[in-house]
Amino acid sequence: MSFLKFAFDEVNEMVRTLESSGGRMKGASKEMLAADTAQIGHDGLQSACDDFADSWNYGFGRLSKMTKNISRFADQCAKEFDGLDEKLRAELTRGAKN
């Protein structure tokens, strides 16, 4: 490797944190969807809680897709960076020999 560094470990740690948070959010989403809002109070509050549960579930789905895309993107970046870094190392080595 050359002197360049890709923050692959840091990116992967961020992805793991997002995925872990996503798991907790998914659990909360399932609990909210299964909740009986009839016990909460008046119709307006019940409706607001149902709307929140629906939007939370939708938002979680979007976040989950983005997290998977970030993970794939980080892997692809690391592979491309390693390839470019190897080319740079080879060129630097070749230049030093000349």
PDB file of N, CA and C in Angstrom:
ATOM      1  N   MET A   1       0.835  -1.186   0.000  1.00  0.00           N
ATOM      2  CA  MET A   1       0.000   0.000   0.000  1.00  0.00           C
ATOM      3  C   MET A   1       0.877   1.246   0.000  1.00  0.00           C
ATOM      4  N   SER A   2       0.337   2.303  -0.504  1.00  0.00           N
ATOM      5  CA  SER A   2       1.037   3.580  -0.494  1.00  0.00           C
ATOM      6  C   SER A   2       0.729   4.316   0.806  1.00  0.00           C
ATOM      7  N   PHE A   3       0.997   5.571   0.837  1.00  0.00           N
ATOM      8  CA  PHE A   3       0.751   6.391   2.027  1.00  0.00           C
ATOM      9  C   PHE A   3      -0.717   6.810   2.156  1.00  0.00           C
ATOM     10  N   LEU A   4      -1.533   6.529   1.159  1.00  0.00           N
ATOM     11  CA  LEU A   4      -2.947   6.889   1.200  1.00  0.00           C
ATOM     12  C   LEU A   4      -3.705   5.925   2.108  1.00  0.00           C
ATOM     13  N   LYS A   5      -4.812   6.396   2.657  1.00  0.00           N
ATOM     14  CA  LYS A   5      -5.605   5.551   3.551  1.00  0.00           C
ATOM     15  C   LYS A   5      -7.091   5.817   3.327  1.00  0.00           C
ATOM     16  N   PHE A   6      -7.840   4.754   3.150  1.00  0.00           N
ATOM     17  CA  PHE A   6      -9.291   4.835   3.055  1.00  0.00           C
ATOM     18  C   PHE A   6      -9.860   4.478   4.422  1.00  0.00           C
ATOM     19  N   ALA A   7     -10.781   5.242   4.903  1.00  0.00           N
ATOM     20  CA  ALA A   7     -11.347   5.045   6.250  1.00  0.00           C
ATOM     21  C   ALA A   7     -12.387   3.930   6.237  1.00  0.00           C
ATOM     22  N   PHE A   8     -12.006   2.767   5.718  1.00  0.00           N
ATOM     23  CA  PHE A   8     -12.933   1.650   5.569  1.00  0.00           C
ATOM     24  C   PHE A   8     -13.467   1.176   6.918  1.00  0.00           C
ATOM     25  N   ASP A   9     -12.594   1.058   7.914  1.00  0.00           N
ATOM     26  CA  ASP A   9     -13.039   0.599   9.232  1.00  0.00           C
ATOM     27  C   ASP A   9     -14.056   1.554   9.835  1.00  0.00           C
ATOM     28  N   GLU A  10     -13.810   2.842   9.693  1.00  0.00           N
ATOM     29  CA  GLU A  10     -14.723   3.839  10.239  1.00  0.00           C
ATOM     30  C   GLU A  10     -16.071   3.810   9.527  1.00  0.00           C
ATOM     31  N   VAL A  11     -16.043   3.636   8.216  1.00  0.00           N
ATOM     32  CA  VAL A  11     -17.285   3.564   7.434  1.00  0.00           C
ATOM     33  C   VAL A  11     -18.064   2.311   7.826  1.00  0.00           C
ATOM     34  N   ASN A  12     -17.361   1.198   7.964  1.00  0.00           N
ATOM     35  CA  ASN A  12     -18.043  -0.041   8.366  1.00  0.00           C
ATOM     36  C   ASN A  12     -18.621   0.062   9.772  1.00  0.00           C
ATOM     37  N   GLU A  13     -17.923   0.731  10.669  1.00  0.00           N
ATOM     38  CA  GLU A  13     -18.449   0.928  12.025  1.00  0.00           C
ATOM     39  C   GLU A  13     -19.732   1.749  11.984  1.00  0.00           C
ATOM     40  N   MET A  14     -19.747   2.783  11.140  1.00  0.00           N
ATOM     41  CA  MET A  14     -20.948   3.597  10.990  1.00  0.00           C
ATOM     42  C   MET A  14     -22.106   2.749  10.457  1.00  0.00           C
ATOM     43  N   VAL A  15     -21.823   1.906   9.480  1.00  0.00           N
ATOM     44  CA  VAL A  15     -22.861   1.050   8.905  1.00  0.00           C
ATOM     45  C   VAL A  15     -23.376   0.077   9.957  1.00  0.00           C
ATOM     46  N   ARG A  16     -22.489  -0.523  10.737  1.00  0.00           N
ATOM     47  CA  ARG A  16     -22.925  -1.449  11.800  1.00  0.00           C
ATOM     48  C   ARG A  16     -23.799  -0.736  12.824  1.00  0.00           C
ATOM     49  N   THR A  17     -23.442   0.490  13.155  1.00  0.00           N
ATOM     50  CA  THR A  17     -24.249   1.272  14.102  1.00  0.00           C
ATOM     51  C   THR A  17     -25.630   1.539  13.525  1.00  0.00           C
ATOM     52  N   LEU A  18     -25.682   1.929  12.246  1.00  0.00           N
ATOM     53  CA  LEU A  18     -26.981   2.170  11.604  1.00  0.00           C
ATOM     54  C   LEU A  18     -27.817   0.899  11.555  1.00  0.00           C
ATOM     55  N   GLU A  19     -27.180  -0.219  11.229  1.00  0.00           N
ATOM     56  CA  GLU A  19     -27.920  -1.474  11.150  1.00  0.00           C
ATOM     57  C   GLU A  19     -28.441  -1.892  12.531  1.00  0.00           C
ATOM     58  N   SER A  20     -27.633  -1.705  13.558  1.00  0.00           N
ATOM     59  CA  SER A  20     -28.060  -2.031  14.916  1.00  0.00           C
ATOM     60  C   SER A  20     -29.232  -1.149  15.338  1.00  0.00           C
ATOM     61  N   SER A  21     -29.107   0.136  15.056  1.00  0.00           N
ATOM     62  CA  SER A  21     -30.204   1.059  15.363  1.00  0.00           C
ATOM     63  C   SER A  21     -31.443   0.683  14.580  1.00  0.00           C
ATOM     64  N   GLY A  22     -31.238   0.287  13.345  1.00  0.00           N
ATOM     65  CA  GLY A  22     -32.358  -0.121  12.503  1.00  0.00           C
ATOM     66  C   GLY A  22     -33.090  -1.320  13.079  1.00  0.00           C
ATOM     67  N   GLY A  23     -32.352  -2.263  13.653  1.00  0.00           N
ATOM     68  CA  GLY A  23     -32.979  -3.425  14.282  1.00  0.00           C
ATOM     69  C   GLY A  23     -33.858  -3.025  15.449  1.00  0.00           C
ATOM     70  N   ARG A  24     -33.360  -2.088  16.244  1.00  0.00           N
ATOM     71  CA  ARG A  24     -34.159  -1.609  17.382  1.00  0.00           C
ATOM     72  C   ARG A  24     -35.384  -0.843  16.884  1.00  0.00           C
ATOM     73  N   MET A  25     -35.204  -0.052  15.825  1.00  0.00           N
ATOM     74  CA  MET A  25     -36.342   0.697  15.272  1.00  0.00           C
ATOM     75  C   MET A  25     -37.382  -0.245  14.690  1.00  0.00           C
ATOM     76  N   LYS A  26     -36.920  -1.331  14.052  1.00  0.00           N
ATOM     77  CA  LYS A  26     -37.853  -2.302  13.489  1.00  0.00           C
ATOM     78  C   LYS A  26     -38.681  -2.946  14.596  1.00  0.00           C
ATOM     79  N   GLY A  27     -38.034  -3.277  15.702  1.00  0.00           N
ATOM     80  CA  GLY A  27     -38.761  -3.848  16.836  1.00  0.00           C
ATOM     81  C   GLY A  27     -39.795  -2.884  17.379  1.00  0.00           C
ATOM     82  N   ALA A  28     -39.398  -1.615  17.513  1.00  0.00           N
ATOM     83  CA  ALA A  28     -40.343  -0.599  18.002  1.00  0.00           C
ATOM     84  C   ALA A  28     -41.493  -0.425  17.019  1.00  0.00           C
ATOM     85  N   SER A  29     -41.192  -0.477  15.743  1.00  0.00           N
ATOM     86  CA  SER A  29     -42.223  -0.326  14.721  1.00  0.00           C
ATOM     87  C   SER A  29     -43.249  -1.452  14.810  1.00  0.00           C
ATOM     88  N   LYS A  30     -42.781  -2.677  14.989  1.00  0.00           N
ATOM     89  CA  LYS A  30     -43.701  -3.815  15.122  1.00  0.00           C
ATOM     90  C   LYS A  30     -44.587  -3.664  16.353  1.00  0.00           C
ATOM     91  N   GLU A  31     -43.981  -3.198  17.438  1.00  0.00           N
ATOM     92  CA  GLU A  31     -44.756  -2.995  18.669  1.00  0.00           C
ATOM     93  C   GLU A  31     -45.836  -1.931  18.458  1.00  0.00           C
ATOM     94  N   MET A  32     -45.480  -0.838  17.786  1.00  0.00           N
ATOM     95  CA  MET A  32     -46.456   0.235  17.560  1.00  0.00           C
ATOM     96  C   MET A  32     -47.593  -0.212  16.655  1.00  0.00           C
ATOM     97  N   LEU A  33     -47.254  -0.986  15.610  1.00  0.00           N
ATOM     98  CA  LEU A  33     -48.297  -1.446  14.695  1.00  0.00           C
ATOM     99  C   LEU A  33     -49.254  -2.418  15.383  1.00  0.00           C
ATOM    100  N   ALA A  34     -48.742  -3.150  16.376  1.00  0.00           N
ATOM    101  CA  ALA A  34     -49.578  -4.125  17.078  1.00  0.00           C
ATOM    102  C   ALA A  34     -50.331  -3.509  18.259  1.00  0.00           C
ATOM    103  N   ALA A  35     -50.027  -2.265  18.587  1.00  0.00           N
ATOM    104  CA  ALA A  35     -50.658  -1.625  19.753  1.00  0.00           C
ATOM    105  C   ALA A  35     -52.141  -1.390  19.511  1.00  0.00           C
ATOM    106  N   ASP A  36     -52.908  -1.528  20.566  1.00  0.00           N
ATOM    107  CA  ASP A  36     -54.343  -1.256  20.522  1.00  0.00           C
ATOM    108  C   ASP A  36     -54.549   0.198  20.939  1.00  0.00           C
ATOM    109  N   THR A  37     -54.709   1.064  19.953  1.00  0.00           N
ATOM    110  CA  THR A  37     -54.827   2.499  20.245  1.00  0.00           C
ATOM    111  C   THR A  37     -56.176   2.862  20.865  1.00  0.00           C
ATOM    112  N   ALA A  38     -57.090   1.926  20.893  1.00  0.00           N
ATOM    113  CA  ALA A  38     -58.401   2.209  21.496  1.00  0.00           C
ATOM    114  C   ALA A  38     -58.251   2.495  22.990  1.00  0.00           C
ATOM    115  N   GLN A  39     -57.176   2.039  23.595  1.00  0.00           N
ATOM    116  CA  GLN A  39     -56.957   2.241  25.025  1.00  0.00           C
ATOM    117  C   GLN A  39     -56.291   3.588  25.323  1.00  0.00           C
ATOM    118  N   ILE A  40     -55.881   4.303  24.309  1.00  0.00           N
ATOM    119  CA  ILE A  40     -55.124   5.542  24.500  1.00  0.00           C
ATOM    120  C   ILE A  40     -56.007   6.702  24.936  1.00  0.00           C
ATOM    121  N   GLY A  41     -57.145   6.820  24.343  1.00  0.00           N
ATOM    122  CA  GLY A  41     -57.996   7.957  24.681  1.00  0.00           C
ATOM    123  C   GLY A  41     -58.933   8.296  23.542  1.00  0.00           C
ATOM    124  N   HIS A  42     -59.161   9.585  23.347  1.00  0.00           N
ATOM    125  CA  HIS A  42     -60.150  10.027  22.354  1.00  0.00           C
ATOM    126  C   HIS A  42     -59.707   9.700  20.923  1.00  0.00           C
ATOM    127  N   ASP A  43     -60.655   9.798  19.998  1.00  0.00           N
ATOM    128  CA  ASP A  43     -60.429   9.402  18.604  1.00  0.00           C
ATOM    129  C   ASP A  43     -59.272  10.158  17.958  1.00  0.00           C
ATOM    130  N   GLY A  44     -59.134  11.451  18.244  1.00  0.00           N
ATOM    131  CA  GLY A  44     -58.048  12.235  17.645  1.00  0.00           C
ATOM    132  C   GLY A  44     -56.681  11.713  18.057  1.00  0.00           C
ATOM    133  N   LEU A  45     -56.541  11.338  19.314  1.00  0.00           N
ATOM    134  CA  LEU A  45     -55.274  10.803  19.811  1.00  0.00           C
ATOM    135  C   LEU A  45     -55.010   9.421  19.227  1.00  0.00           C
ATOM    136  N   GLN A  46     -56.043   8.633  19.126  1.00  0.00           N
ATOM    137  CA  GLN A  46     -55.903   7.304  18.524  1.00  0.00           C
ATOM    138  C   GLN A  46     -55.436   7.427  17.080  1.00  0.00           C
ATOM    139  N   SER A  47     -56.071   8.334  16.344  1.00  0.00           N
ATOM    140  CA  SER A  47     -55.716   8.546  14.947  1.00  0.00           C
ATOM    141  C   SER A  47     -54.282   9.046  14.808  1.00  0.00           C
ATOM    142  N   ALA A  48     -53.885   9.971  15.667  1.00  0.00           N
ATOM    143  CA  ALA A  48     -52.516  10.502  15.627  1.00  0.00           C
ATOM    144  C   ALA A  48     -51.501   9.397  15.904  1.00  0.00           C
ATOM    145  N   CYS A  49     -51.802   8.535  16.859  1.00  0.00           N
ATOM    146  CA  CYS A  49     -50.899   7.426  17.169  1.00  0.00           C
ATOM    147  C   CYS A  49     -50.806   6.441  16.007  1.00  0.00           C
ATOM    148  N   ASP A  50     -51.942   6.143  15.390  1.00  0.00           N
ATOM    149  CA  ASP A  50     -51.931   5.253  14.225  1.00  0.00           C
ATOM    150  C   ASP A  50     -51.136   5.869  13.077  1.00  0.00           C
ATOM    151  N   ASP A  51     -51.330   7.166  12.841  1.00  0.00           N
ATOM    152  CA  ASP A  51     -50.585   7.858  11.778  1.00  0.00           C
ATOM    153  C   ASP A  51     -49.085   7.835  12.061  1.00  0.00           C
ATOM    154  N   PHE A  52     -48.723   8.074  13.320  1.00  0.00           N
ATOM    155  CA  PHE A  52     -47.306   8.052  13.688  1.00  0.00           C
ATOM    156  C   PHE A  52     -46.716   6.664  13.465  1.00  0.00           C
ATOM    157  N   ALA A  53     -47.432   5.628  13.863  1.00  0.00           N
ATOM    158  CA  ALA A  53     -46.944   4.257  13.681  1.00  0.00           C
ATOM    159  C   ALA A  53     -46.752   3.953  12.197  1.00  0.00           C
ATOM    160  N   ASP A  54     -47.696   4.390  11.367  1.00  0.00           N
ATOM    161  CA  ASP A  54     -47.573   4.168   9.924  1.00  0.00           C
ATOM    162  C   ASP A  54     -46.370   4.916   9.348  1.00  0.00           C
ATOM    163  N   SER A  55     -46.194   6.173   9.740  1.00  0.00           N
ATOM    164  CA  SER A  55     -45.077   6.955   9.199  1.00  0.00           C
ATOM    165  C   SER A  55     -43.746   6.424   9.721  1.00  0.00           C
ATOM    166  N   TRP A  56     -43.703   5.977  10.968  1.00  0.00           N
ATOM    167  CA  TRP A  56     -42.488   5.390  11.531  1.00  0.00           C
ATOM    168  C   TRP A  56     -42.109   4.150  10.726  1.00  0.00           C
ATOM    169  N   ASN A  57     -43.104   3.298  10.455  1.00  0.00           N
ATOM    170  CA  ASN A  57     -42.855   2.073   9.698  1.00  0.00           C
ATOM    171  C   ASN A  57     -42.342   2.399   8.297  1.00  0.00           C
ATOM    172  N   TYR A  58     -42.949   3.363   7.639  1.00  0.00           N
ATOM    173  CA  TYR A  58     -42.503   3.794   6.312  1.00  0.00           C
ATOM    174  C   TYR A  58     -41.072   4.341   6.387  1.00  0.00           C
ATOM    175  N   GLY A  59     -40.819   5.201   7.361  1.00  0.00           N
ATOM    176  CA  GLY A  59     -39.489   5.797   7.518  1.00  0.00           C
ATOM    177  C   GLY A  59     -38.437   4.755   7.810  1.00  0.00           C
ATOM    178  N   PHE A  60     -38.782   3.766   8.623  1.00  0.00           N
ATOM    179  CA  PHE A  60     -37.830   2.709   8.914  1.00  0.00           C
ATOM    180  C   PHE A  60     -37.485   1.940   7.648  1.00  0.00           C
ATOM    181  N   GLY A  61     -38.482   1.643   6.835  1.00  0.00           N
ATOM    182  CA  GLY A  61     -38.228   0.916   5.581  1.00  0.00           C
ATOM    183  C   GLY A  61     -37.264   1.680   4.689  1.00  0.00           C
ATOM    184  N   ARG A  62     -37.461   2.977   4.593  1.00  0.00           N
ATOM    185  CA  ARG A  62     -36.564   3.816   3.777  1.00  0.00           C
ATOM    186  C   ARG A  62     -35.152   3.824   4.364  1.00  0.00           C
ATOM    187  N   LEU A  63     -35.041   3.971   5.673  1.00  0.00           N
ATOM    188  CA  LEU A  63     -33.739   3.991   6.337  1.00  0.00           C
ATOM    189  C   LEU A  63     -33.022   2.658   6.149  1.00  0.00           C
ATOM    190  N   SER A  64     -33.755   1.584   6.250  1.00  0.00           N
ATOM    191  CA  SER A  64     -33.172   0.256   6.077  1.00  0.00           C
ATOM    192  C   SER A  64     -32.576   0.106   4.676  1.00  0.00           C
ATOM    193  N   LYS A  65     -33.296   0.556   3.661  1.00  0.00           N
ATOM    194  CA  LYS A  65     -32.786   0.488   2.282  1.00  0.00           C
ATOM    195  C   LYS A  65     -31.539   1.345   2.125  1.00  0.00           C
ATOM    196  N   MET A  66     -31.556   2.547   2.703  1.00  0.00           N
ATOM    197  CA  MET A  66     -30.396   3.432   2.605  1.00  0.00           C
ATOM    198  C   MET A  66     -29.183   2.826   3.296  1.00  0.00           C
ATOM    199  N   THR A  67     -29.396   2.196   4.442  1.00  0.00           N
ATOM    200  CA  THR A  67     -28.293   1.579   5.173  1.00  0.00           C
ATOM    201  C   THR A  67     -27.655   0.470   4.348  1.00  0.00           C
ATOM    202  N   LYS A  68     -28.470  -0.349   3.714  1.00  0.00           N
ATOM    203  CA  LYS A  68     -27.938  -1.417   2.863  1.00  0.00           C
ATOM    204  C   LYS A  68     -27.160  -0.823   1.699  1.00  0.00           C
ATOM    205  N   ASN A  69     -27.669   0.255   1.123  1.00  0.00           N
ATOM    206  CA  ASN A  69     -26.961   0.902   0.014  1.00  0.00           C
ATOM    207  C   ASN A  69     -25.639   1.499   0.476  1.00  0.00           C
ATOM    208  N   ILE A  70     -25.611   2.085   1.672  1.00  0.00           N
ATOM    209  CA  ILE A  70     -24.370   2.645   2.206  1.00  0.00           C
ATOM    210  C   ILE A  70     -23.344   1.536   2.386  1.00  0.00           C
ATOM    211  N   SER A  71     -23.772   0.406   2.889  1.00  0.00           N
ATOM    212  CA  SER A  71     -22.866  -0.724   3.099  1.00  0.00           C
ATOM    213  C   SER A  71     -22.276  -1.199   1.771  1.00  0.00           C
ATOM    214  N   ARG A  72     -23.111  -1.356   0.769  1.00  0.00           N
ATOM    215  CA  ARG A  72     -22.631  -1.772  -0.553  1.00  0.00           C
ATOM    216  C   ARG A  72     -21.686  -0.733  -1.146  1.00  0.00           C
ATOM    217  N   PHE A  73     -22.043   0.530  -0.994  1.00  0.00           N
ATOM    218  CA  PHE A  73     -21.221   1.617  -1.516  1.00  0.00           C
ATOM    219  C   PHE A  73     -19.851   1.633  -0.830  1.00  0.00           C
ATOM    220  N   ALA A  74     -19.827   1.443   0.475  1.00  0.00           N
ATOM    221  CA  ALA A  74     -18.560   1.428   1.215  1.00  0.00           C
ATOM    222  C   ALA A  74     -17.680   0.272   0.756  1.00  0.00           C
ATOM    223  N   ASP A  75     -18.274  -0.902   0.560  1.00  0.00           N
ATOM    224  CA  ASP A  75     -17.506  -2.040   0.071  1.00  0.00           C
ATOM    225  C   ASP A  75     -16.916  -1.758  -1.309  1.00  0.00           C
ATOM    226  N   GLN A  76     -17.740  -1.197  -2.195  1.00  0.00           N
ATOM    227  CA  GLN A  76     -17.272  -0.891  -3.550  1.00  0.00           C
ATOM    228  C   GLN A  76     -16.168   0.167  -3.518  1.00  0.00           C
ATOM    229  N   CYS A  77     -16.334   1.193  -2.684  1.00  0.00           N
ATOM    230  CA  CYS A  77     -15.300   2.231  -2.563  1.00  0.00           C
ATOM    231  C   CYS A  77     -13.982   1.641  -2.086  1.00  0.00           C
ATOM    232  N   ALA A  78     -14.066   0.763  -1.099  1.00  0.00           N
ATOM    233  CA  ALA A  78     -12.847   0.149  -0.566  1.00  0.00           C
ATOM    234  C   ALA A  78     -12.141  -0.676  -1.637  1.00  0.00           C
ATOM    235  N   LYS A  79     -12.890  -1.434  -2.409  1.00  0.00           N
ATOM    236  CA  LYS A  79     -12.282  -2.245  -3.479  1.00  0.00           C
ATOM    237  C   LYS A  79     -11.632  -1.361  -4.534  1.00  0.00           C
ATOM    238  N   GLU A  80     -12.340  -0.329  -4.948  1.00  0.00           N
ATOM    239  CA  GLU A  80     -11.781   0.573  -5.960  1.00  0.00           C
ATOM    240  C   GLU A  80     -10.568   1.315  -5.412  1.00  0.00           C
ATOM    241  N   PHE A  81     -10.646   1.742  -4.162  1.00  0.00           N
ATOM    242  CA  PHE A  81      -9.522   2.443  -3.554  1.00  0.00           C
ATOM    243  C   PHE A  81      -8.305   1.535  -3.481  1.00  0.00           C
ATOM    244  N   ASP A  82      -8.510   0.278  -3.070  1.00  0.00           N
ATOM    245  CA  ASP A  82      -7.392  -0.663  -2.997  1.00  0.00           C
ATOM    246  C   ASP A  82      -6.745  -0.853  -4.368  1.00  0.00           C
ATOM    247  N   GLY A  83      -7.559  -0.953  -5.414  1.00  0.00           N
ATOM    248  CA  GLY A  83      -7.021  -1.096  -6.768  1.00  0.00           C
ATOM    249  C   GLY A  83      -6.211   0.120  -7.189  1.00  0.00           C
ATOM    250  N   LEU A  84      -6.755   1.306  -6.937  1.00  0.00           N
ATOM    251  CA  LEU A  84      -6.030   2.531  -7.287  1.00  0.00           C
ATOM    252  C   LEU A  84      -4.769   2.682  -6.443  1.00  0.00           C
ATOM    253  N   ASP A  85      -4.852   2.318  -5.185  1.00  0.00           N
ATOM    254  CA  ASP A  85      -3.698   2.412  -4.307  1.00  0.00           C
ATOM    255  C   ASP A  85      -2.594   1.477  -4.775  1.00  0.00           C
ATOM    256  N   GLU A  86      -2.959   0.286  -5.208  1.00  0.00           N
ATOM    257  CA  GLU A  86      -1.966  -0.667  -5.722  1.00  0.00           C
ATOM    258  C   GLU A  86      -1.299  -0.120  -6.993  1.00  0.00           C
ATOM    259  N   LYS A  87      -2.104   0.492  -7.866  1.00  0.00           N
ATOM    260  CA  LYS A  87      -1.526   1.108  -9.073  1.00  0.00           C
ATOM    261  C   LYS A  87      -0.567   2.232  -8.706  1.00  0.00           C
ATOM    262  N   LEU A  88      -0.932   3.053  -7.738  1.00  0.00           N
ATOM    263  CA  LEU A  88      -0.062   4.138  -7.297  1.00  0.00           C
ATOM    264  C   LEU A  88       1.229   3.590  -6.711  1.00  0.00           C
ATOM    265  N   ARG A  89       1.114   2.554  -5.878  1.00  0.00           N
ATOM    266  CA  ARG A  89       2.303   1.937  -5.282  1.00  0.00           C
ATOM    267  C   ARG A  89       3.232   1.406  -6.369  1.00  0.00           C
ATOM    268  N   ALA A  90       2.650   0.739  -7.361  1.00  0.00           N
ATOM    269  CA  ALA A  90       3.460   0.189  -8.456  1.00  0.00           C
ATOM    270  C   ALA A  90       4.155   1.307  -9.230  1.00  0.00           C
ATOM    271  N   GLU A  91       3.452   2.392  -9.497  1.00  0.00           N
ATOM    272  CA  GLU A  91       4.051   3.514 -10.221  1.00  0.00           C
ATOM    273  C   GLU A  91       5.160   4.176  -9.402  1.00  0.00           C
ATOM    274  N   LEU A  92       4.934   4.349  -8.112  1.00  0.00           N
ATOM    275  CA  LEU A  92       5.948   4.926  -7.256  1.00  0.00           C
ATOM    276  C   LEU A  92       7.184   4.041  -7.175  1.00  0.00           C
ATOM    277  N   THR A  93       6.967   2.730  -7.102  1.00  0.00           N
ATOM    278  CA  THR A  93       8.084   1.787  -7.067  1.00  0.00           C
ATOM    279  C   THR A  93       8.844   1.812  -8.383  1.00  0.00           C
ATOM    280  N   ARG A  94       8.101   1.833  -9.486  1.00  0.00           N
ATOM    281  CA  ARG A  94       8.723   1.887 -10.816  1.00  0.00           C
ATOM    282  C   ARG A  94       9.513   3.183 -10.975  1.00  0.00           C
ATOM    283  N   GLY A  95       8.945   4.305 -10.503  1.00  0.00           N
ATOM    284  CA  GLY A  95       9.627   5.601 -10.586  1.00  0.00           C
ATOM    285  C   GLY A  95      10.884   5.643  -9.747  1.00  0.00           C
ATOM    286  N   ALA A  96      10.862   5.007  -8.589  1.00  0.00           N
ATOM    287  CA  ALA A  96      12.032   4.999  -7.720  1.00  0.00           C
ATOM    288  C   ALA A  96      13.178   4.177  -8.319  1.00  0.00           C
ATOM    289  N   LYS A  97      12.841   3.169  -9.119  1.00  0.00           N
ATOM    290  CA  LYS A  97      13.865   2.325  -9.742  1.00  0.00           C
ATOM    291  C   LYS A  97      14.518   3.017 -10.925  1.00  0.00           C
ATOM    292  N   ASN A  98      13.821   3.972 -11.536  1.00  0.00           N
ATOM    293  CA  ASN A  98      14.364   4.649 -12.736  1.00  0.00           C
ATOM    294  C   ASN A  98      15.267   5.753 -12.365  1.00  0.00           C
TER     295      ASN A  98
END
